[in-house]
Amino acid sequence: MEDMIDKNDILSFAHYKKGRPFTGSFKGMRYRIVMEKAADEDDTDKFRVDTWPEPLCFEKTKEDMITTQRFSFTEDGYDDVIRYLNEMKGSYKI
């Protein structure tokens, strides 16, 4: 069976409610997940997921090397984050 990223790899949904980012890596792909607060009252909170190739950390990676995707800040959105990371991991194989 192929390795997959799952809930044990990205911390619990409750962790992100605190607004702190989480970073991880998987076979050549680095990733960062954080909650983005709604910009205005017509907007909603979102998961922001950034992916980029290893080896550098988020802060040291050139912006054009980072791919960003946003998902609703809900349990369903949390599941979407996991699916997205598993889709993206093949893009960064070492």
C-alpha atoms as a PDB file:
ATOM      1  CA  MET A   1       0.000   0.000   0.000  1.00  0.00           C
ATOM      2  CA  GLU A   2       1.236   3.451  -0.917  1.00  0.00           C
ATOM      3  CA  ASP A   3       2.090   5.839   1.911  1.00  0.00           C
ATOM      4  CA  MET A   4      -0.640   8.346   2.613  1.00  0.00           C
ATOM      5  CA  ILE A   5      -0.861  11.509   4.674  1.00  0.00           C
ATOM      6  CA  ASP A   6      -3.604  11.170   7.300  1.00  0.00           C
ATOM      7  CA  LYS A   7      -5.026  12.931  10.363  1.00  0.00           C
ATOM      8  CA  ASN A   8      -2.179  11.635  12.518  1.00  0.00           C
ATOM      9  CA  ASP A   9       0.303  13.499  10.300  1.00  0.00           C
ATOM     10  CA  ILE A  10      -1.300  16.958  10.344  1.00  0.00           C
ATOM     11  CA  LEU A  11      -2.583  17.342  13.932  1.00  0.00           C
ATOM     12  CA  SER A  12      -6.207  17.619  14.976  1.00  0.00           C
ATOM     13  CA  PHE A  13      -8.768  20.102  13.696  1.00  0.00           C
ATOM     14  CA  ALA A  14      -8.788  21.690  17.183  1.00  0.00           C
ATOM     15  CA  HIS A  15      -5.095  22.628  16.835  1.00  0.00           C
ATOM     16  CA  TYR A  16      -5.829  24.990  13.952  1.00  0.00           C
ATOM     17  CA  LYS A  17      -8.516  26.861  15.898  1.00  0.00           C
ATOM     18  CA  LYS A  18      -5.643  28.400  17.871  1.00  0.00           C
ATOM     19  CA  GLY A  19      -4.390  30.082  14.680  1.00  0.00           C
ATOM     20  CA  ARG A  20      -0.921  28.556  14.821  1.00  0.00           C
ATOM     21  CA  PRO A  21       0.595  27.090  11.665  1.00  0.00           C
ATOM     22  CA  PHE A  22       1.708  23.501  11.363  1.00  0.00           C
ATOM     23  CA  THR A  23       4.474  22.430   9.011  1.00  0.00           C
ATOM     24  CA  GLY A  24       5.442  18.997   7.840  1.00  0.00           C
ATOM     25  CA  SER A  25       7.077  17.100   5.031  1.00  0.00           C
ATOM     26  CA  PHE A  26       6.426  13.992   2.996  1.00  0.00           C
ATOM     27  CA  LYS A  27       8.876  12.411   0.552  1.00  0.00           C
ATOM     28  CA  GLY A  28      10.120  15.586  -1.100  1.00  0.00           C
ATOM     29  CA  MET A  29       7.121  17.811  -0.361  1.00  0.00           C
ATOM     30  CA  ARG A  30       7.026  20.372   2.431  1.00  0.00           C
ATOM     31  CA  TYR A  31       3.683  21.738   3.591  1.00  0.00           C
ATOM     32  CA  ARG A  32       2.250  24.365   5.907  1.00  0.00           C
ATOM     33  CA  ILE A  33      -1.328  24.482   7.201  1.00  0.00           C
ATOM     34  CA  VAL A  34      -2.824  27.444   9.047  1.00  0.00           C
ATOM     35  CA  MET A  35      -6.222  28.979   9.723  1.00  0.00           C
ATOM     36  CA  GLU A  36      -6.785  32.299   7.945  1.00  0.00           C
ATOM     37  CA  LYS A  37      -9.281  34.544   9.682  1.00  0.00           C
ATOM     38  CA  ALA A  38     -12.111  35.933   7.577  1.00  0.00           C
ATOM     39  CA  ALA A  39     -11.136  39.198   5.911  1.00  0.00           C
ATOM     40  CA  ASP A  40     -14.569  40.743   6.508  1.00  0.00           C
ATOM     41  CA  GLU A  41     -18.040  39.840   7.767  1.00  0.00           C
ATOM     42  CA  ASP A  42     -19.058  38.476   4.336  1.00  0.00           C
ATOM     43  CA  ASP A  43     -16.175  36.006   4.379  1.00  0.00           C
ATOM     44  CA  THR A  44     -15.477  32.867   6.436  1.00  0.00           C
ATOM     45  CA  ASP A  45     -12.382  31.436   8.087  1.00  0.00           C
ATOM     46  CA  LYS A  46     -10.330  29.186   5.819  1.00  0.00           C
ATOM     47  CA  PHE A  47      -7.600  26.580   5.963  1.00  0.00           C
ATOM     48  CA  ARG A  48      -4.616  27.860   3.989  1.00  0.00           C
ATOM     49  CA  VAL A  49      -2.405  25.067   2.703  1.00  0.00           C
ATOM     50  CA  ASP A  50       0.981  25.841   1.162  1.00  0.00           C
ATOM     51  CA  THR A  51       3.107  23.172  -0.522  1.00  0.00           C
ATOM     52  CA  TRP A  52       6.622  23.436  -1.940  1.00  0.00           C
ATOM     53  CA  PRO A  53       9.611  21.220  -2.758  1.00  0.00           C
ATOM     54  CA  GLU A  54      12.149  20.299  -0.092  1.00  0.00           C
ATOM     55  CA  PRO A  55      14.632  21.148   1.354  1.00  0.00           C
ATOM     56  CA  LEU A  56      13.989  24.729   2.486  1.00  0.00           C
ATOM     57  CA  CYS A  57      11.555  25.913   5.133  1.00  0.00           C
ATOM     58  CA  PHE A  58       8.540  28.070   4.220  1.00  0.00           C
ATOM     59  CA  GLU A  59      10.249  31.342   5.101  1.00  0.00           C
ATOM     60  CA  LYS A  60      13.343  30.568   2.989  1.00  0.00           C
ATOM     61  CA  THR A  61      11.498  29.296  -0.100  1.00  0.00           C
ATOM     62  CA  LYS A  62      10.947  31.645  -3.039  1.00  0.00           C
ATOM     63  CA  GLU A  63       7.314  32.660  -3.386  1.00  0.00           C
ATOM     64  CA  ASP A  64       7.050  31.331  -6.947  1.00  0.00           C
ATOM     65  CA  MET A  65       7.961  27.845  -5.671  1.00  0.00           C
ATOM     66  CA  ILE A  66       4.987  27.745  -3.262  1.00  0.00           C
ATOM     67  CA  THR A  67       1.538  26.520  -4.272  1.00  0.00           C
ATOM     68  CA  THR A  68      -1.352  27.753  -2.122  1.00  0.00           C
ATOM     69  CA  GLN A  69      -4.863  26.371  -1.784  1.00  0.00           C
ATOM     70  CA  ARG A  70      -7.687  27.331   0.577  1.00  0.00           C
ATOM     71  CA  PHE A  71     -10.477  25.225   2.059  1.00  0.00           C
ATOM     72  CA  SER A  72     -13.425  25.996   4.317  1.00  0.00           C
ATOM     73  CA  PHE A  73     -12.528  25.972   7.992  1.00  0.00           C
ATOM     74  CA  THR A  74     -14.858  23.089   8.831  1.00  0.00           C
ATOM     75  CA  GLU A  75     -14.494  19.375   9.521  1.00  0.00           C
ATOM     76  CA  ASP A  76     -15.243  18.765   5.819  1.00  0.00           C
ATOM     77  CA  GLY A  77     -12.585  21.332   4.898  1.00  0.00           C
ATOM     78  CA  TYR A  78     -10.140  19.530   7.194  1.00  0.00           C
ATOM     79  CA  ASP A  79     -10.802  16.311   5.265  1.00  0.00           C
ATOM     80  CA  ASP A  80     -10.310  18.264   2.008  1.00  0.00           C
ATOM     81  CA  VAL A  81      -6.881  19.392   3.275  1.00  0.00           C
ATOM     82  CA  ILE A  82      -5.827  15.762   3.720  1.00  0.00           C
ATOM     83  CA  ARG A  83      -7.118  14.795   0.264  1.00  0.00           C
ATOM     84  CA  TYR A  84      -5.342  17.776  -1.300  1.00  0.00           C
ATOM     85  CA  LEU A  85      -2.008  16.956   0.341  1.00  0.00           C
ATOM     86  CA  ASN A  86      -2.257  13.384  -0.915  1.00  0.00           C
ATOM     87  CA  GLU A  87      -3.001  14.662  -4.423  1.00  0.00           C
ATOM     88  CA  MET A  88      -0.056  17.071  -4.327  1.00  0.00           C
ATOM     89  CA  LYS A  89       2.559  14.712  -2.897  1.00  0.00           C
ATOM     90  CA  GLY A  90       3.245  13.148  -6.293  1.00  0.00           C
ATOM     91  CA  SER A  91       4.283  16.558  -7.640  1.00  0.00           C
ATOM     92  CA  TYR A  92       7.292  16.686  -5.332  1.00  0.00           C
ATOM     93  CA  LYS A  93       8.811  13.209  -5.393  1.00  0.00           C
ATOM     94  CA  ILE A  94      12.513  13.060  -4.675  1.00  0.00           C
END
